[in-house]
Amino acid sequence: MNIGIIFEDFPVLKSVNLILKRIEESHLQEVYTIYDNDKVFEYCGIIPKHNLQTVSKMIGHFDRDYYKKSRIKWGIFQKNQSNKLVGIIECMDFNQKVNMVSIGYFLAEDYWGRGIATESVGILTKFLFEKVNINRIQAEVMPANEISKKVLLKNGFIKEGLLRQASLWSGKGVVDLEIYGILKEDYTNKRL
């Protein structure tokens, strides 16, 4: 794992339709729109935030976590809408001993069902395998979150199992989680 590629200069990732880049204070209203919607976090271990000032502080925490090298959150921006922030995708739980990272993502409700999450996970997966040289990427998904599972499966992730009552998620209590993972060899073989 070449973690320096992530944490030396904030990486900007691009595809045909999207740009993944740093979230800044100027994006406050768009970030607030995401965090203020209870539906967005129905299947996440995140408690919605209904206060603009709280969300403003969170943007500062995104930078703090980045500089601590513990987590990176990219804003998902649509190229064709004057770079409007429509979601967030992140990497966390970097395990350098086994060369593994976890990912998570969520979109503003107005952008659901457009393939944006699928494309974002594809951009991030490519970056992590091809540039950072990660060996394993995983995601934890609540069993009822069928849409998120489809996003992962479309990107070559494999359902590896169910962890029963294995995690305490904010606002949800103790939950079951399905684990989806993809190895670099899976990714390479899929591309051949």
Protein backbone atom coordinates (compact mmCIF):
# COMPACT_ATOMS: atom_id res chain seq x y z
CA MET A 1 0.00 0.00 0.00
CA ASN A 2 1.40 3.34 -1.03
CA ILE A 3 -0.58 5.46 1.42
CA GLY A 4 1.45 8.54 0.52
CA ILE A 5 -0.43 8.77 -2.79
CA ILE A 6 -3.57 9.43 -0.75
CA PHE A 7 -2.23 11.61 2.04
CA GLU A 8 0.59 13.70 0.53
CA ASP A 9 -1.59 15.75 -1.83
CA PHE A 10 -5.36 15.40 -1.82
CA PRO A 11 -6.04 13.21 -4.88
CA VAL A 12 -8.55 14.40 -7.46
CA LEU A 13 -10.17 11.49 -9.33
CA LYS A 14 -12.09 11.84 -12.59
CA SER A 15 -14.31 9.83 -14.90
CA VAL A 16 -16.41 10.77 -17.89
CA ASN A 17 -19.24 12.22 -15.77
CA LEU A 18 -17.80 12.77 -12.29
CA ILE A 19 -14.99 14.40 -10.34
CA LEU A 20 -14.10 13.22 -6.84
CA LYS A 21 -12.35 16.04 -4.98
CA ARG A 22 -11.94 17.77 -1.61
CA ILE A 23 -15.03 19.14 0.10
CA GLU A 24 -14.58 22.78 1.07
CA GLU A 25 -16.53 25.33 3.10
CA SER A 26 -17.93 26.73 -0.16
CA HIS A 27 -19.86 23.43 -0.51
CA LEU A 28 -21.60 23.91 2.85
CA GLN A 29 -25.15 24.18 1.48
CA GLU A 30 -24.79 21.05 -0.68
CA VAL A 31 -23.27 19.05 2.20
CA TYR A 32 -26.06 20.28 4.50
CA THR A 33 -28.70 19.14 1.98
CA ILE A 34 -27.23 15.62 2.17
CA TYR A 35 -26.82 15.45 5.97
CA ASP A 36 -30.21 17.06 6.68
CA ASN A 37 -32.12 14.24 4.94
CA ASP A 38 -33.05 11.31 7.21
CA LYS A 39 -33.67 9.05 4.18
CA VAL A 40 -30.02 9.35 3.08
CA PHE A 41 -28.84 7.73 6.32
CA GLU A 42 -31.58 5.14 6.75
CA TYR A 43 -29.02 2.36 6.21
CA CYS A 44 -25.90 4.12 7.50
CA GLY A 45 -24.22 4.35 10.87
CA ILE A 46 -24.44 8.15 10.59
CA ILE A 47 -26.91 10.35 12.40
CA PRO A 48 -28.42 13.06 10.17
CA LYS A 49 -27.47 16.64 11.04
CA HIS A 50 -30.20 19.27 11.00
CA ASN A 51 -28.05 22.26 11.96
CA LEU A 52 -26.06 24.25 9.41
CA GLN A 53 -23.36 25.19 11.94
CA THR A 54 -22.87 21.53 12.90
CA VAL A 55 -22.38 20.61 9.24
CA SER A 56 -19.91 23.47 8.83
CA LYS A 57 -17.84 22.05 11.71
CA MET A 58 -18.01 18.62 10.07
CA ILE A 59 -16.32 19.95 6.94
CA GLY A 60 -13.45 21.00 9.20
CA HIS A 61 -13.41 17.49 10.66
CA PHE A 62 -13.08 16.05 7.15
CA ASP A 63 -9.79 17.98 6.82
CA ARG A 64 -8.69 17.02 10.34
CA ASP A 65 -9.20 13.31 9.61
CA TYR A 66 -7.34 13.67 6.32
CA TYR A 67 -4.32 15.29 7.97
CA LYS A 68 -4.37 12.60 10.67
CA LYS A 69 -4.26 10.07 7.80
CA SER A 70 -7.21 8.18 9.26
CA ARG A 71 -9.94 8.87 6.68
CA ILE A 72 -10.46 10.63 3.37
CA LYS A 73 -13.81 11.95 2.16
CA TRP A 74 -14.21 13.01 -1.44
CA GLY A 75 -17.10 15.09 -2.64
CA ILE A 76 -18.79 13.53 -5.65
CA PHE A 77 -19.27 16.29 -8.21
CA GLN A 78 -21.14 16.10 -11.50
CA LYS A 79 -19.17 17.59 -14.38
CA ASN A 80 -22.26 18.57 -16.38
CA GLN A 81 -23.87 20.55 -13.54
CA SER A 82 -21.19 23.18 -12.98
CA ASN A 83 -19.42 20.91 -10.52
CA LYS A 84 -22.36 20.46 -8.15
CA LEU A 85 -21.63 18.28 -5.11
CA VAL A 86 -24.13 15.40 -5.20
CA GLY A 87 -22.63 12.93 -2.73
CA ILE A 88 -19.71 11.78 -0.63
CA ILE A 89 -17.46 8.73 -0.94
CA GLU A 90 -14.82 7.82 1.60
CA CYS A 91 -12.00 5.49 2.57
CA MET A 92 -11.34 4.61 6.20
CA ASP A 93 -9.89 1.88 8.39
CA PHE A 94 -6.61 1.70 6.51
CA ASN A 95 -4.96 -1.58 7.54
CA GLN A 96 -1.42 -1.48 6.19
CA LYS A 97 -0.50 -4.86 7.70
CA VAL A 98 -2.94 -6.68 5.43
CA ASN A 99 -3.07 -3.95 2.75
CA MET A 100 -6.80 -3.33 3.10
CA VAL A 101 -9.22 -0.40 3.28
CA SER A 102 -12.96 0.06 3.84
CA ILE A 103 -15.16 2.35 1.75
CA GLY A 104 -18.53 4.01 2.20
CA TYR A 105 -20.69 6.34 0.12
CA PHE A 106 -23.97 8.24 0.08
CA LEU A 107 -25.77 10.57 -2.30
CA ALA A 108 -28.21 13.45 -2.04
CA GLU A 109 -31.68 11.96 -2.53
CA ASP A 110 -32.30 13.95 -5.74
CA TYR A 111 -29.46 12.00 -7.39
CA TRP A 112 -30.49 8.47 -6.50
CA GLY A 113 -31.04 5.98 -9.31
CA ARG A 114 -28.76 7.67 -11.86
CA GLY A 115 -25.72 5.37 -11.63
CA ILE A 116 -23.66 7.97 -9.77
CA ALA A 117 -22.83 5.73 -6.79
CA THR A 118 -21.86 2.87 -9.13
CA GLU A 119 -19.59 5.15 -11.17
CA SER A 120 -18.06 6.68 -8.01
CA VAL A 121 -17.22 3.28 -6.54
CA GLY A 122 -15.70 2.31 -9.90
CA ILE A 123 -13.47 5.42 -9.95
CA LEU A 124 -12.34 4.82 -6.36
CA THR A 125 -11.75 1.09 -6.88
CA LYS A 126 -9.57 1.78 -9.93
CA PHE A 127 -7.56 4.40 -8.02
CA LEU A 128 -7.03 2.18 -4.97
CA PHE A 129 -5.92 -0.85 -6.97
CA GLU A 130 -3.96 0.83 -9.76
CA LYS A 131 -2.36 3.80 -7.97
CA VAL A 132 -2.33 3.06 -4.23
CA ASN A 133 -1.65 -0.67 -4.75
CA ILE A 134 -4.26 -1.79 -2.21
CA ASN A 135 -4.88 -5.55 -2.15
CA ARG A 136 -8.37 -5.62 -0.60
CA ILE A 137 -11.29 -3.18 -0.52
CA GLN A 138 -14.32 -3.93 1.60
CA ALA A 139 -17.67 -2.36 2.46
CA GLU A 140 -20.11 -3.09 5.27
CA VAL A 141 -23.78 -2.95 4.27
CA MET A 142 -26.95 -3.30 6.32
CA PRO A 143 -28.84 -6.37 4.99
CA ALA A 144 -31.89 -4.29 3.99
CA ASN A 145 -29.83 -1.90 1.83
CA GLU A 146 -30.49 -3.61 -1.51
CA ILE A 147 -29.46 -0.61 -3.63
CA SER A 148 -26.01 -0.32 -2.05
CA LYS A 149 -25.46 -4.06 -2.49
CA LYS A 150 -26.21 -3.69 -6.23
CA VAL A 151 -23.68 -0.85 -6.49
CA LEU A 152 -20.97 -3.08 -5.03
CA LEU A 153 -21.88 -6.15 -7.10
CA LYS A 154 -21.80 -4.08 -10.32
CA ASN A 155 -18.24 -3.12 -9.40
CA GLY A 156 -17.07 -6.70 -8.93
CA PHE A 157 -17.40 -6.94 -5.15
CA ILE A 158 -18.41 -10.32 -3.74
CA LYS A 159 -20.72 -10.87 -0.79
CA GLU A 160 -18.49 -12.63 1.69
CA GLY A 161 -20.88 -13.14 4.55
CA LEU A 162 -23.10 -11.83 7.31
CA LEU A 163 -21.76 -10.60 10.63
CA ARG A 164 -24.64 -11.04 13.08
CA GLN A 165 -25.06 -8.34 15.73
CA ALA A 166 -21.45 -7.41 15.15
CA SER A 167 -21.33 -3.64 15.12
CA LEU A 168 -22.68 -0.66 17.03
CA TRP A 169 -23.87 1.96 14.54
CA SER A 170 -24.79 5.46 15.64
CA GLY A 171 -28.55 5.86 15.73
CA LYS A 172 -29.11 2.18 14.90
CA GLY A 173 -27.78 0.28 17.92
CA VAL A 174 -26.23 -3.15 17.42
CA VAL A 175 -26.74 -4.23 13.81
CA ASP A 176 -26.11 -7.13 11.47
CA LEU A 177 -23.79 -6.26 8.59
CA GLU A 178 -23.09 -7.95 5.30
CA ILE A 179 -19.47 -7.77 4.18
CA TYR A 180 -18.64 -7.20 0.52
CA GLY A 181 -15.05 -7.38 -0.67
CA ILE A 182 -12.94 -7.26 -3.77
CA LEU A 183 -9.30 -8.27 -4.12
CA LYS A 184 -6.81 -6.81 -6.53
CA GLU A 185 -6.67 -10.17 -8.34
CA ASP A 186 -10.49 -10.10 -8.78
CA TYR A 187 -10.23 -6.61 -10.23
CA THR A 188 -7.35 -7.52 -12.55
CA ASN A 189 -9.07 -10.69 -13.79
CA LYS A 190 -12.33 -8.78 -14.39
CA ARG A 191 -10.47 -6.28 -16.60
CA LEU A 192 -8.75 -8.95 -18.74
